[in-house]
Amino acid sequence: MSRFVLLAVLALLVCVSVDAKQAEASHILVKAKAKAEELLDEVKNGADFGELAKQHSTCPSGKSGGSLGSFGPGQMVKEFDEVVFSAPVGEVQGPVQTQFGYHLILITKRSD
């Protein structure tokens, strides 16, 4: 009987983790709102988001074009999380203010 219970629990955990929301995003983090707005204008005018992240982001992720990889709800600060799990995929969002500064956020993938 205990093997059956263990297998049932493992199956449930697999189902929950498969169905869980996930997102992939990149960001550019800067200290000043004016700088974030300037970079947003550059993106809107065709600049490459990843290159701007490499050049301007104060986050270590800037070295990889701002990529934060895959994460679930609650793994990022609240203000960031709210944008990533509600805004349209593929559109740059921001500036979004957090305790770290101002972010431009590019949601690249999300499972809802």
PDB file of N, CA and C in Angstrom:
ATOM      1  N   MET A   1       0.818  -1.204   0.000  1.00  0.00           N
ATOM      2  CA  MET A   1       0.000   0.000   0.000  1.00  0.00           C
ATOM      3  C   MET A   1       0.860   1.265   0.000  1.00  0.00           C
ATOM      4  N   SER A   2       1.972   1.267   0.715  1.00  0.00           N
ATOM      5  CA  SER A   2       2.792   2.475   0.801  1.00  0.00           C
ATOM      6  C   SER A   2       3.429   2.814  -0.551  1.00  0.00           C
ATOM      7  N   ARG A   3       3.746   1.815  -1.357  1.00  0.00           N
ATOM      8  CA  ARG A   3       4.273   2.083  -2.703  1.00  0.00           C
ATOM      9  C   ARG A   3       3.225   2.786  -3.556  1.00  0.00           C
ATOM     10  N   PHE A   4       1.993   2.355  -3.435  1.00  0.00           N
ATOM     11  CA  PHE A   4       0.912   2.963  -4.195  1.00  0.00           C
ATOM     12  C   PHE A   4       0.747   4.434  -3.816  1.00  0.00           C
ATOM     13  N   VAL A   5       0.771   4.734  -2.536  1.00  0.00           N
ATOM     14  CA  VAL A   5       0.623   6.111  -2.058  1.00  0.00           C
ATOM     15  C   VAL A   5       1.792   6.959  -2.563  1.00  0.00           C
ATOM     16  N   LEU A   6       2.990   6.435  -2.484  1.00  0.00           N
ATOM     17  CA  LEU A   6       4.173   7.159  -2.954  1.00  0.00           C
ATOM     18  C   LEU A   6       4.074   7.442  -4.449  1.00  0.00           C
ATOM     19  N   LEU A   7       3.668   6.465  -5.226  1.00  0.00           N
ATOM     20  CA  LEU A   7       3.518   6.670  -6.663  1.00  0.00           C
ATOM     21  C   LEU A   7       2.425   7.692  -6.962  1.00  0.00           C
ATOM     22  N   ALA A   8       1.341   7.662  -6.220  1.00  0.00           N
ATOM     23  CA  ALA A   8       0.260   8.623  -6.426  1.00  0.00           C
ATOM     24  C   ALA A   8       0.733  10.047  -6.121  1.00  0.00           C
ATOM     25  N   VAL A   9       1.497  10.206  -5.051  1.00  0.00           N
ATOM     26  CA  VAL A   9       2.021  11.524  -4.689  1.00  0.00           C
ATOM     27  C   VAL A   9       2.994  12.012  -5.761  1.00  0.00           C
ATOM     28  N   LEU A  10       3.871  11.163  -6.226  1.00  0.00           N
ATOM     29  CA  LEU A  10       4.814  11.539  -7.280  1.00  0.00           C
ATOM     30  C   LEU A  10       4.088  11.930  -8.559  1.00  0.00           C
ATOM     31  N   ALA A  11       3.070  11.182  -8.919  1.00  0.00           N
ATOM     32  CA  ALA A  11       2.289  11.512 -10.121  1.00  0.00           C
ATOM     33  C   ALA A  11       1.615  12.865  -9.971  1.00  0.00           C
ATOM     34  N   LEU A  12       1.081  13.142  -8.788  1.00  0.00           N
ATOM     35  CA  LEU A  12       0.448  14.434  -8.537  1.00  0.00           C
ATOM     36  C   LEU A  12       1.457  15.567  -8.637  1.00  0.00           C
ATOM     37  N   LEU A  13       2.630  15.386  -8.087  1.00  0.00           N
ATOM     38  CA  LEU A  13       3.674  16.408  -8.166  1.00  0.00           C
ATOM     39  C   LEU A  13       4.081  16.683  -9.607  1.00  0.00           C
ATOM     40  N   VAL A  14       4.189  15.650 -10.399  1.00  0.00           N
ATOM     41  CA  VAL A  14       4.535  15.824 -11.806  1.00  0.00           C
ATOM     42  C   VAL A  14       3.444  16.605 -12.523  1.00  0.00           C
ATOM     43  N   CYS A  15       2.199  16.271 -12.269  1.00  0.00           N
ATOM     44  CA  CYS A  15       1.082  16.982 -12.911  1.00  0.00           C
ATOM     45  C   CYS A  15       1.054  18.442 -12.504  1.00  0.00           C
ATOM     46  N   VAL A  16       1.267  18.723 -11.237  1.00  0.00           N
ATOM     47  CA  VAL A  16       1.250  20.103 -10.763  1.00  0.00           C
ATOM     48  C   VAL A  16       2.393  20.887 -11.392  1.00  0.00           C
ATOM     49  N   SER A  17       3.592  20.303 -11.451  1.00  0.00           N
ATOM     50  CA  SER A  17       4.729  21.040 -12.005  1.00  0.00           C
ATOM     51  C   SER A  17       4.592  21.243 -13.509  1.00  0.00           C
ATOM     52  N   VAL A  18       3.950  20.303 -14.200  1.00  0.00           N
ATOM     53  CA  VAL A  18       3.760  20.449 -15.635  1.00  0.00           C
ATOM     54  C   VAL A  18       2.753  21.555 -15.947  1.00  0.00           C
ATOM     55  N   ASP A  19       1.726  21.688 -15.099  1.00  0.00           N
ATOM     56  CA  ASP A  19       0.675  22.664 -15.330  1.00  0.00           C
ATOM     57  C   ASP A  19       1.002  24.055 -14.791  1.00  0.00           C
ATOM     58  N   ALA A  20       2.067  24.178 -14.032  1.00  0.00           N
ATOM     59  CA  ALA A  20       2.390  25.452 -13.396  1.00  0.00           C
ATOM     60  C   ALA A  20       2.743  26.509 -14.434  1.00  0.00           C
ATOM     61  N   LYS A  21       2.344  27.747 -14.149  1.00  0.00           N
ATOM     62  CA  LYS A  21       2.702  28.867 -15.010  1.00  0.00           C
ATOM     63  C   LYS A  21       4.210  29.040 -15.018  1.00  0.00           C
ATOM     64  N   GLN A  22       4.736  29.373 -16.167  1.00  0.00           N
ATOM     65  CA  GLN A  22       6.151  29.673 -16.327  1.00  0.00           C
ATOM     66  C   GLN A  22       6.274  30.805 -17.329  1.00  0.00           C
ATOM     67  N   ALA A  23       7.322  31.561 -17.194  1.00  0.00           N
ATOM     68  CA  ALA A  23       7.597  32.621 -18.161  1.00  0.00           C
ATOM     69  C   ALA A  23       9.084  32.681 -18.427  1.00  0.00           C
ATOM     70  N   GLU A  24       9.427  33.219 -19.576  1.00  0.00           N
ATOM     71  CA  GLU A  24      10.802  33.539 -19.910  1.00  0.00           C
ATOM     72  C   GLU A  24      10.816  35.007 -20.280  1.00  0.00           C
ATOM     73  N   ALA A  25      11.796  35.724 -19.750  1.00  0.00           N
ATOM     74  CA  ALA A  25      11.852  37.159 -20.003  1.00  0.00           C
ATOM     75  C   ALA A  25      13.297  37.643 -19.984  1.00  0.00           C
ATOM     76  N   SER A  26      13.485  38.789 -20.605  1.00  0.00           N
ATOM     77  CA  SER A  26      14.746  39.521 -20.547  1.00  0.00           C
ATOM     78  C   SER A  26      14.435  40.904 -20.010  1.00  0.00           C
ATOM     79  N   HIS A  27      15.448  41.543 -19.436  1.00  0.00           N
ATOM     80  CA  HIS A  27      15.207  42.892 -18.934  1.00  0.00           C
ATOM     81  C   HIS A  27      16.468  43.737 -19.035  1.00  0.00           C
ATOM     82  N   ILE A  28      16.235  45.029 -18.960  1.00  0.00           N
ATOM     83  CA  ILE A  28      17.307  46.005 -18.858  1.00  0.00           C
ATOM     84  C   ILE A  28      17.040  46.756 -17.565  1.00  0.00           C
ATOM     85  N   LEU A  29      18.001  46.759 -16.672  1.00  0.00           N
ATOM     86  CA  LEU A  29      17.865  47.433 -15.389  1.00  0.00           C
ATOM     87  C   LEU A  29      18.781  48.647 -15.358  1.00  0.00           C
ATOM     88  N   VAL A  30      18.196  49.794 -15.051  1.00  0.00           N
ATOM     89  CA  VAL A  30      18.966  51.038 -14.902  1.00  0.00           C
ATOM     90  C   VAL A  30      18.484  51.764 -13.644  1.00  0.00           C
ATOM     91  N   LYS A  31      19.284  52.696 -13.164  1.00  0.00           N
ATOM     92  CA  LYS A  31      18.945  53.420 -11.926  1.00  0.00           C
ATOM     93  C   LYS A  31      17.934  54.542 -12.144  1.00  0.00           C
ATOM     94  N   ALA A  32      17.974  55.204 -13.292  1.00  0.00           N
ATOM     95  CA  ALA A  32      17.147  56.391 -13.512  1.00  0.00           C
ATOM     96  C   ALA A  32      15.991  56.120 -14.472  1.00  0.00           C
ATOM     97  N   LYS A  33      14.833  56.639 -14.132  1.00  0.00           N
ATOM     98  CA  LYS A  33      13.657  56.489 -14.990  1.00  0.00           C
ATOM     99  C   LYS A  33      13.897  57.131 -16.354  1.00  0.00           C
ATOM    100  N   ALA A  34      14.560  58.278 -16.372  1.00  0.00           N
ATOM    101  CA  ALA A  34      14.838  58.959 -17.640  1.00  0.00           C
ATOM    102  C   ALA A  34      15.679  58.085 -18.567  1.00  0.00           C
ATOM    103  N   LYS A  35      16.641  57.358 -18.014  1.00  0.00           N
ATOM    104  CA  LYS A  35      17.473  56.460 -18.824  1.00  0.00           C
ATOM    105  C   LYS A  35      16.627  55.315 -19.372  1.00  0.00           C
ATOM    106  N   ALA A  36      15.739  54.766 -18.548  1.00  0.00           N
ATOM    107  CA  ALA A  36      14.853  53.685 -19.001  1.00  0.00           C
ATOM    108  C   ALA A  36      13.963  54.171 -20.138  1.00  0.00           C
ATOM    109  N   GLU A  37      13.451  55.378 -20.010  1.00  0.00           N
ATOM    110  CA  GLU A  37      12.600  55.935 -21.064  1.00  0.00           C
ATOM    111  C   GLU A  37      13.389  56.168 -22.349  1.00  0.00           C
ATOM    112  N   GLU A  38      14.625  56.612 -22.212  1.00  0.00           N
ATOM    113  CA  GLU A  38      15.500  56.804 -23.382  1.00  0.00           C
ATOM    114  C   GLU A  38      15.751  55.478 -24.096  1.00  0.00           C
ATOM    115  N   LEU A  39      16.030  54.435 -23.317  1.00  0.00           N
ATOM    116  CA  LEU A  39      16.273  53.117 -23.906  1.00  0.00           C
ATOM    117  C   LEU A  39      15.004  52.545 -24.528  1.00  0.00           C
ATOM    118  N   LEU A  40      13.859  52.802 -23.909  1.00  0.00           N
ATOM    119  CA  LEU A  40      12.585  52.357 -24.485  1.00  0.00           C
ATOM    120  C   LEU A  40      12.369  53.001 -25.848  1.00  0.00           C
ATOM    121  N   ASP A  41      12.675  54.280 -25.955  1.00  0.00           N
ATOM    122  CA  ASP A  41      12.561  54.965 -27.252  1.00  0.00           C
ATOM    123  C   ASP A  41      13.476  54.320 -28.287  1.00  0.00           C
ATOM    124  N   GLU A  42      14.682  53.947 -27.869  1.00  0.00           N
ATOM    125  CA  GLU A  42      15.614  53.294 -28.795  1.00  0.00           C
ATOM    126  C   GLU A  42      15.055  51.960 -29.276  1.00  0.00           C
ATOM    127  N   VAL A  43      14.476  51.189 -28.374  1.00  0.00           N
ATOM    128  CA  VAL A  43      13.872  49.901 -28.754  1.00  0.00           C
ATOM    129  C   VAL A  43      12.726  50.129 -29.731  1.00  0.00           C
ATOM    130  N   LYS A  44      11.882  51.112 -29.430  1.00  0.00           N
ATOM    131  CA  LYS A  44      10.742  51.416 -30.312  1.00  0.00           C
ATOM    132  C   LYS A  44      11.205  51.858 -31.693  1.00  0.00           C
ATOM    133  N   ASN A  45      12.417  52.410 -31.764  1.00  0.00           N
ATOM    134  CA  ASN A  45      12.970  52.856 -33.045  1.00  0.00           C
ATOM    135  C   ASN A  45      13.850  51.799 -33.702  1.00  0.00           C
ATOM    136  N   GLY A  46      13.766  50.565 -33.210  1.00  0.00           N
ATOM    137  CA  GLY A  46      14.432  49.461 -33.887  1.00  0.00           C
ATOM    138  C   GLY A  46      15.714  48.946 -33.281  1.00  0.00           C
ATOM    139  N   ALA A  47      16.170  49.522 -32.173  1.00  0.00           N
ATOM    140  CA  ALA A  47      17.398  49.025 -31.545  1.00  0.00           C
ATOM    141  C   ALA A  47      17.176  47.616 -31.007  1.00  0.00           C
ATOM    142  N   ASP A  48      18.222  46.828 -30.984  1.00  0.00           N
ATOM    143  CA  ASP A  48      18.162  45.459 -30.491  1.00  0.00           C
ATOM    144  C   ASP A  48      18.136  45.452 -28.961  1.00  0.00           C
ATOM    145  N   PHE A  49      17.102  44.850 -28.387  1.00  0.00           N
ATOM    146  CA  PHE A  49      16.924  44.817 -26.940  1.00  0.00           C
ATOM    147  C   PHE A  49      18.130  44.181 -26.247  1.00  0.00           C
ATOM    148  N   GLY A  50      18.569  43.052 -26.751  1.00  0.00           N
ATOM    149  CA  GLY A  50      19.692  42.339 -26.146  1.00  0.00           C
ATOM    150  C   GLY A  50      20.983  43.139 -26.160  1.00  0.00           C
ATOM    151  N   GLU A  51      21.220  43.841 -27.248  1.00  0.00           N
ATOM    152  CA  GLU A  51      22.434  44.672 -27.336  1.00  0.00           C
ATOM    153  C   GLU A  51      22.357  45.839 -26.358  1.00  0.00           C
ATOM    154  N   LEU A  52      21.183  46.435 -26.236  1.00  0.00           N
ATOM    155  CA  LEU A  52      21.025  47.517 -25.268  1.00  0.00           C
ATOM    156  C   LEU A  52      21.227  47.010 -23.844  1.00  0.00           C
ATOM    157  N   ALA A  53      20.748  45.813 -23.570  1.00  0.00           N
ATOM    158  CA  ALA A  53      20.952  45.220 -22.242  1.00  0.00           C
ATOM    159  C   ALA A  53      22.441  45.036 -21.971  1.00  0.00           C
ATOM    160  N   LYS A  54      23.171  44.531 -22.961  1.00  0.00           N
ATOM    161  CA  LYS A  54      24.613  44.331 -22.791  1.00  0.00           C
ATOM    162  C   LYS A  54      25.340  45.643 -22.515  1.00  0.00           C
ATOM    163  N   GLN A  55      24.895  46.697 -23.166  1.00  0.00           N
ATOM    164  CA  GLN A  55      25.566  47.989 -23.047  1.00  0.00           C
ATOM    165  C   GLN A  55      25.162  48.781 -21.803  1.00  0.00           C
ATOM    166  N   HIS A  56      23.912  48.643 -21.346  1.00  0.00           N
ATOM    167  CA  HIS A  56      23.406  49.567 -20.341  1.00  0.00           C
ATOM    168  C   HIS A  56      22.900  48.940 -19.043  1.00  0.00           C
ATOM    169  N   SER A  57      22.555  47.670 -19.034  1.00  0.00           N
ATOM    170  CA  SER A  57      21.942  47.092 -17.836  1.00  0.00           C
ATOM    171  C   SER A  57      22.944  46.976 -16.693  1.00  0.00           C
ATOM    172  N   THR A  58      22.481  47.324 -15.490  1.00  0.00           N
ATOM    173  CA  THR A  58      23.314  47.189 -14.301  1.00  0.00           C
ATOM    174  C   THR A  58      23.173  45.807 -13.662  1.00  0.00           C
ATOM    175  N   CYS A  59      22.308  44.978 -14.201  1.00  0.00           N
ATOM    176  CA  CYS A  59      22.114  43.618 -13.702  1.00  0.00           C
ATOM    177  C   CYS A  59      23.139  42.694 -14.358  1.00  0.00           C
ATOM    178  N   PRO A  60      23.653  41.721 -13.633  1.00  0.00           N
ATOM    179  CA  PRO A  60      24.579  40.758 -14.248  1.00  0.00           C
ATOM    180  C   PRO A  60      24.002  40.052 -15.479  1.00  0.00           C
ATOM    181  N   SER A  61      22.676  39.954 -15.571  1.00  0.00           N
ATOM    182  CA  SER A  61      22.048  39.312 -16.732  1.00  0.00           C
ATOM    183  C   SER A  61      22.289  40.104 -18.011  1.00  0.00           C
ATOM    184  N   GLY A  62      22.683  41.356 -17.880  1.00  0.00           N
ATOM    185  CA  GLY A  62      22.965  42.184 -19.049  1.00  0.00           C
ATOM    186  C   GLY A  62      24.005  41.556 -19.953  1.00  0.00           C
ATOM    187  N   LYS A  63      24.953  40.844 -19.351  1.00  0.00           N
ATOM    188  CA  LYS A  63      26.010  40.189 -20.134  1.00  0.00           C
ATOM    189  C   LYS A  63      25.452  39.167 -21.119  1.00  0.00           C
ATOM    190  N   SER A  64      24.286  38.618 -20.787  1.00  0.00           N
ATOM    191  CA  SER A  64      23.642  37.642 -21.676  1.00  0.00           C
ATOM    192  C   SER A  64      22.431  38.258 -22.363  1.00  0.00           C
ATOM    193  N   GLY A  65      22.504  39.529 -22.644  1.00  0.00           N
ATOM    194  CA  GLY A  65      21.410  40.205 -23.336  1.00  0.00           C
ATOM    195  C   GLY A  65      20.193  40.447 -22.473  1.00  0.00           C
ATOM    196  N   GLY A  66      20.365  40.347 -21.174  1.00  0.00           N
ATOM    197  CA  GLY A  66      19.265  40.588 -20.243  1.00  0.00           C
ATOM    198  C   GLY A  66      18.425  39.371 -19.922  1.00  0.00           C
ATOM    199  N   SER A  67      18.782  38.224 -20.485  1.00  0.00           N
ATOM    200  CA  SER A  67      17.967  37.022 -20.297  1.00  0.00           C
ATOM    201  C   SER A  67      17.947  36.567 -18.842  1.00  0.00           C
ATOM    202  N   LEU A  68      16.739  36.336 -18.344  1.00  0.00           N
ATOM    203  CA  LEU A  68      16.553  35.833 -16.987  1.00  0.00           C
ATOM    204  C   LEU A  68      16.177  34.361 -16.978  1.00  0.00           C
ATOM    205  N   GLY A  69      16.071  33.767 -18.145  1.00  0.00           N
ATOM    206  CA  GLY A  69      15.696  32.360 -18.231  1.00  0.00           C
ATOM    207  C   GLY A  69      14.233  32.154 -17.889  1.00  0.00           C
ATOM    208  N   SER A  70      13.926  30.974 -17.405  1.00  0.00           N
ATOM    209  CA  SER A  70      12.555  30.570 -17.103  1.00  0.00           C
ATOM    210  C   SER A  70      12.305  30.667 -15.599  1.00  0.00           C
ATOM    211  N   PHE A  71      11.123  31.137 -15.225  1.00  0.00           N
ATOM    212  CA  PHE A  71      10.780  31.267 -13.811  1.00  0.00           C
ATOM    213  C   PHE A  71       9.265  31.237 -13.647  1.00  0.00           C
ATOM    214  N   GLY A  72       8.838  30.982 -12.447  1.00  0.00           N
ATOM    215  CA  GLY A  72       7.414  30.923 -12.138  1.00  0.00           C
ATOM    216  C   GLY A  72       6.957  32.119 -11.332  1.00  0.00           C
ATOM    217  N   PRO A  73       5.643  32.236 -11.138  1.00  0.00           N
ATOM    218  CA  PRO A  73       5.101  33.330 -10.334  1.00  0.00           C
ATOM    219  C   PRO A  73       5.698  33.316  -8.926  1.00  0.00           C
ATOM    220  N   GLY A  74       6.000  34.513  -8.430  1.00  0.00           N
ATOM    221  CA  GLY A  74       6.530  34.628  -7.077  1.00  0.00           C
ATOM    222  C   GLY A  74       8.035  34.521  -6.969  1.00  0.00           C
ATOM    223  N   GLN A  75       8.709  34.231  -8.060  1.00  0.00           N
ATOM    224  CA  GLN A  75      10.166  34.111  -8.013  1.00  0.00           C
ATOM    225  C   GLN A  75      10.867  35.448  -8.220  1.00  0.00           C
ATOM    226  N   MET A  76      10.154  36.428  -8.727  1.00  0.00           N
ATOM    227  CA  MET A  76      10.705  37.766  -8.926  1.00  0.00           C
ATOM    228  C   MET A  76       9.977  38.728  -7.990  1.00  0.00           C
ATOM    229  N   VAL A  77      10.497  39.939  -7.849  1.00  0.00           N
ATOM    230  CA  VAL A  77       9.815  40.923  -7.011  1.00  0.00           C
ATOM    231  C   VAL A  77       8.428  41.207  -7.578  1.00  0.00           C
ATOM    232  N   LYS A  78       7.514  41.613  -6.698  1.00  0.00           N
ATOM    233  CA  LYS A  78       6.095  41.741  -7.035  1.00  0.00           C
ATOM    234  C   LYS A  78       5.831  42.572  -8.293  1.00  0.00           C
ATOM    235  N   GLU A  79       6.438  43.752  -8.372  1.00  0.00           N
ATOM    236  CA  GLU A  79       6.166  44.652  -9.502  1.00  0.00           C
ATOM    237  C   GLU A  79       6.582  44.015 -10.832  1.00  0.00           C
ATOM    238  N   PHE A  80       7.702  43.333 -10.815  1.00  0.00           N
ATOM    239  CA  PHE A  80       8.224  42.651 -12.003  1.00  0.00           C
ATOM    240  C   PHE A  80       7.303  41.489 -12.365  1.00  0.00           C
ATOM    241  N   ASP A  81       6.980  40.694 -11.369  1.00  0.00           N
ATOM    242  CA  ASP A  81       6.124  39.513 -11.530  1.00  0.00           C
ATOM    243  C   ASP A  81       4.770  39.875 -12.141  1.00  0.00           C
ATOM    244  N   GLU A  82       4.164  40.945 -11.641  1.00  0.00           N
ATOM    245  CA  GLU A  82       2.842  41.348 -12.131  1.00  0.00           C
ATOM    246  C   GLU A  82       2.866  41.650 -13.624  1.00  0.00           C
ATOM    247  N   VAL A  83       3.922  42.279 -14.077  1.00  0.00           N
ATOM    248  CA  VAL A  83       4.037  42.604 -15.500  1.00  0.00           C
ATOM    249  C   VAL A  83       4.264  41.340 -16.318  1.00  0.00           C
ATOM    250  N   VAL A  84       5.199  40.528 -15.886  1.00  0.00           N
ATOM    251  CA  VAL A  84       5.568  39.334 -16.663  1.00  0.00           C
ATOM    252  C   VAL A  84       4.392  38.378 -16.838  1.00  0.00           C
ATOM    253  N   PHE A  85       3.538  38.273 -15.823  1.00  0.00           N
ATOM    254  CA  PHE A  85       2.450  37.311 -15.905  1.00  0.00           C
ATOM    255  C   PHE A  85       1.112  37.923 -16.323  1.00  0.00           C
ATOM    256  N   SER A  86       1.147  39.177 -16.833  1.00  0.00           N
ATOM    257  CA  SER A  86      -0.096  39.770 -17.317  1.00  0.00           C
ATOM    258  C   SER A  86       0.046  40.496 -18.658  1.00  0.00           C
ATOM    259  N   ALA A  87       1.207  41.025 -18.953  1.00  0.00           N
ATOM    260  CA  ALA A  87       1.392  41.814 -20.180  1.00  0.00           C
ATOM    261  C   ALA A  87       1.553  40.901 -21.393  1.00  0.00           C
ATOM    262  N   PRO A  88       1.314  41.441 -22.582  1.00  0.00           N
ATOM    263  CA  PRO A  88       1.454  40.641 -23.801  1.00  0.00           C
ATOM    264  C   PRO A  88       2.888  40.151 -24.030  1.00  0.00           C
ATOM    265  N   VAL A  89       2.994  38.949 -24.522  1.00  0.00           N
ATOM    266  CA  VAL A  89       4.297  38.367 -24.873  1.00  0.00           C
ATOM    267  C   VAL A  89       4.826  39.075 -26.119  1.00  0.00           C
ATOM    268  N   GLY A  90       6.117  39.363 -26.111  1.00  0.00           N
ATOM    269  CA  GLY A  90       6.759  39.935 -27.286  1.00  0.00           C
ATOM    270  C   GLY A  90       6.781  41.450 -27.343  1.00  0.00           C
ATOM    271  N   GLU A  91       6.155  42.119 -26.386  1.00  0.00           N
ATOM    272  CA  GLU A  91       6.141  43.579 -26.344  1.00  0.00           C
ATOM    273  C   GLU A  91       6.962  44.057 -25.155  1.00  0.00           C
ATOM    274  N   VAL A  92       7.788  45.066 -25.369  1.00  0.00           N
ATOM    275  CA  VAL A  92       8.598  45.614 -24.287  1.00  0.00           C
ATOM    276  C   VAL A  92       7.702  46.419 -23.349  1.00  0.00           C
ATOM    277  N   GLN A  93       7.824  46.168 -22.067  1.00  0.00           N
ATOM    278  CA  GLN A  93       7.042  46.839 -21.028  1.00  0.00           C
ATOM    279  C   GLN A  93       7.955  47.714 -20.176  1.00  0.00           C
ATOM    280  N   GLY A  94       7.421  48.800 -19.691  1.00  0.00           N
ATOM    281  CA  GLY A  94       8.175  49.613 -18.754  1.00  0.00           C
ATOM    282  C   GLY A  94       8.188  51.066 -19.134  1.00  0.00           C
ATOM    283  N   PRO A  95       8.906  51.817 -18.345  1.00  0.00           N
ATOM    284  CA  PRO A  95       9.719  51.414 -17.202  1.00  0.00           C
ATOM    285  C   PRO A  95       8.863  50.906 -16.033  1.00  0.00           C
ATOM    286  N   VAL A  96       9.363  49.863 -15.388  1.00  0.00           N
ATOM    287  CA  VAL A  96       8.740  49.281 -14.212  1.00  0.00           C
ATOM    288  C   VAL A  96       9.694  49.523 -13.040  1.00  0.00           C
ATOM    289  N   GLN A  97       9.215  50.229 -12.025  1.00  0.00           N
ATOM    290  CA  GLN A  97      10.067  50.532 -10.884  1.00  0.00           C
ATOM    291  C   GLN A  97       9.988  49.425  -9.846  1.00  0.00           C
ATOM    292  N   THR A  98      11.162  49.003  -9.368  1.00  0.00           N
ATOM    293  CA  THR A  98      11.266  48.065  -8.249  1.00  0.00           C
ATOM    294  C   THR A  98      12.312  48.623  -7.287  1.00  0.00           C
ATOM    295  N   GLN A  99      12.573  47.896  -6.236  1.00  0.00           N
ATOM    296  CA  GLN A  99      13.587  48.309  -5.269  1.00  0.00           C
ATOM    297  C   GLN A  99      14.988  48.368  -5.888  1.00  0.00           C
ATOM    298  N   PHE A 100      15.158  47.745  -7.060  1.00  0.00           N
ATOM    299  CA  PHE A 100      16.469  47.686  -7.705  1.00  0.00           C
ATOM    300  C   PHE A 100      16.707  48.815  -8.698  1.00  0.00           C
ATOM    301  N   GLY A 101      15.636  49.461  -9.126  1.00  0.00           N
ATOM    302  CA  GLY A 101      15.741  50.520 -10.120  1.00  0.00           C
ATOM    303  C   GLY A 101      14.585  50.426 -11.096  1.00  0.00           C
ATOM    304  N   TYR A 102      14.858  50.783 -12.349  1.00  0.00           N
ATOM    305  CA  TYR A 102      13.831  50.784 -13.392  1.00  0.00           C
ATOM    306  C   TYR A 102      14.155  49.716 -14.433  1.00  0.00           C
ATOM    307  N   HIS A 103      13.155  48.937 -14.764  1.00  0.00           N
ATOM    308  CA  HIS A 103      13.309  47.827 -15.701  1.00  0.00           C
ATOM    309  C   HIS A 103      12.536  48.081 -16.984  1.00  0.00           C
ATOM    310  N   LEU A 104      13.139  47.685 -18.078  1.00  0.00           N
ATOM    311  CA  LEU A 104      12.399  47.447 -19.319  1.00  0.00           C
ATOM    312  C   LEU A 104      12.331  45.935 -19.409  1.00  0.00           C
ATOM    313  N   ILE A 105      11.150  45.408 -19.667  1.00  0.00           N
ATOM    314  CA  ILE A 105      10.944  43.964 -19.626  1.00  0.00           C
ATOM    315  C   ILE A 105      10.424  43.483 -20.974  1.00  0.00           C
ATOM    316  N   LEU A 106      11.083  42.460 -21.503  1.00  0.00           N
ATOM    317  CA  LEU A 106      10.635  41.794 -22.716  1.00  0.00           C
ATOM    318  C   LEU A 106      10.257  40.364 -22.359  1.00  0.00           C
ATOM    319  N   ILE A 107       8.964  40.091 -22.401  1.00  0.00           N
ATOM    320  CA  ILE A 107       8.468  38.738 -22.111  1.00  0.00           C
ATOM    321  C   ILE A 107       8.603  37.956 -23.410  1.00  0.00           C
ATOM    322  N   THR A 108       9.389  36.908 -23.380  1.00  0.00           N
ATOM    323  CA  THR A 108       9.646  36.154 -24.597  1.00  0.00           C
ATOM    324  C   THR A 108       8.795  34.882 -24.713  1.00  0.00           C
ATOM    325  N   LYS A 109       8.294  34.399 -23.564  1.00  0.00           N
ATOM    326  CA  LYS A 109       7.484  33.174 -23.592  1.00  0.00           C
ATOM    327  C   LYS A 109       6.728  33.070 -22.273  1.00  0.00           C
ATOM    328  N   ARG A 110       5.502  32.541 -22.350  1.00  0.00           N
ATOM    329  CA  ARG A 110       4.742  32.338 -21.123  1.00  0.00           C
ATOM    330  C   ARG A 110       3.744  31.203 -21.340  1.00  0.00           C
ATOM    331  N   SER A 111       3.640  30.341 -20.364  1.00  0.00           N
ATOM    332  CA  SER A 111       2.588  29.312 -20.372  1.00  0.00           C
ATOM    333  C   SER A 111       1.558  29.727 -19.342  1.00  0.00           C
ATOM    334  N   ASP A 112       0.321  29.855 -19.795  1.00  0.00           N
ATOM    335  CA  ASP A 112      -0.742  30.336 -18.887  1.00  0.00           C
ATOM    336  C   ASP A 112      -1.586  29.235 -18.374  1.00  0.00           C
TER     337      ASP A 112
END
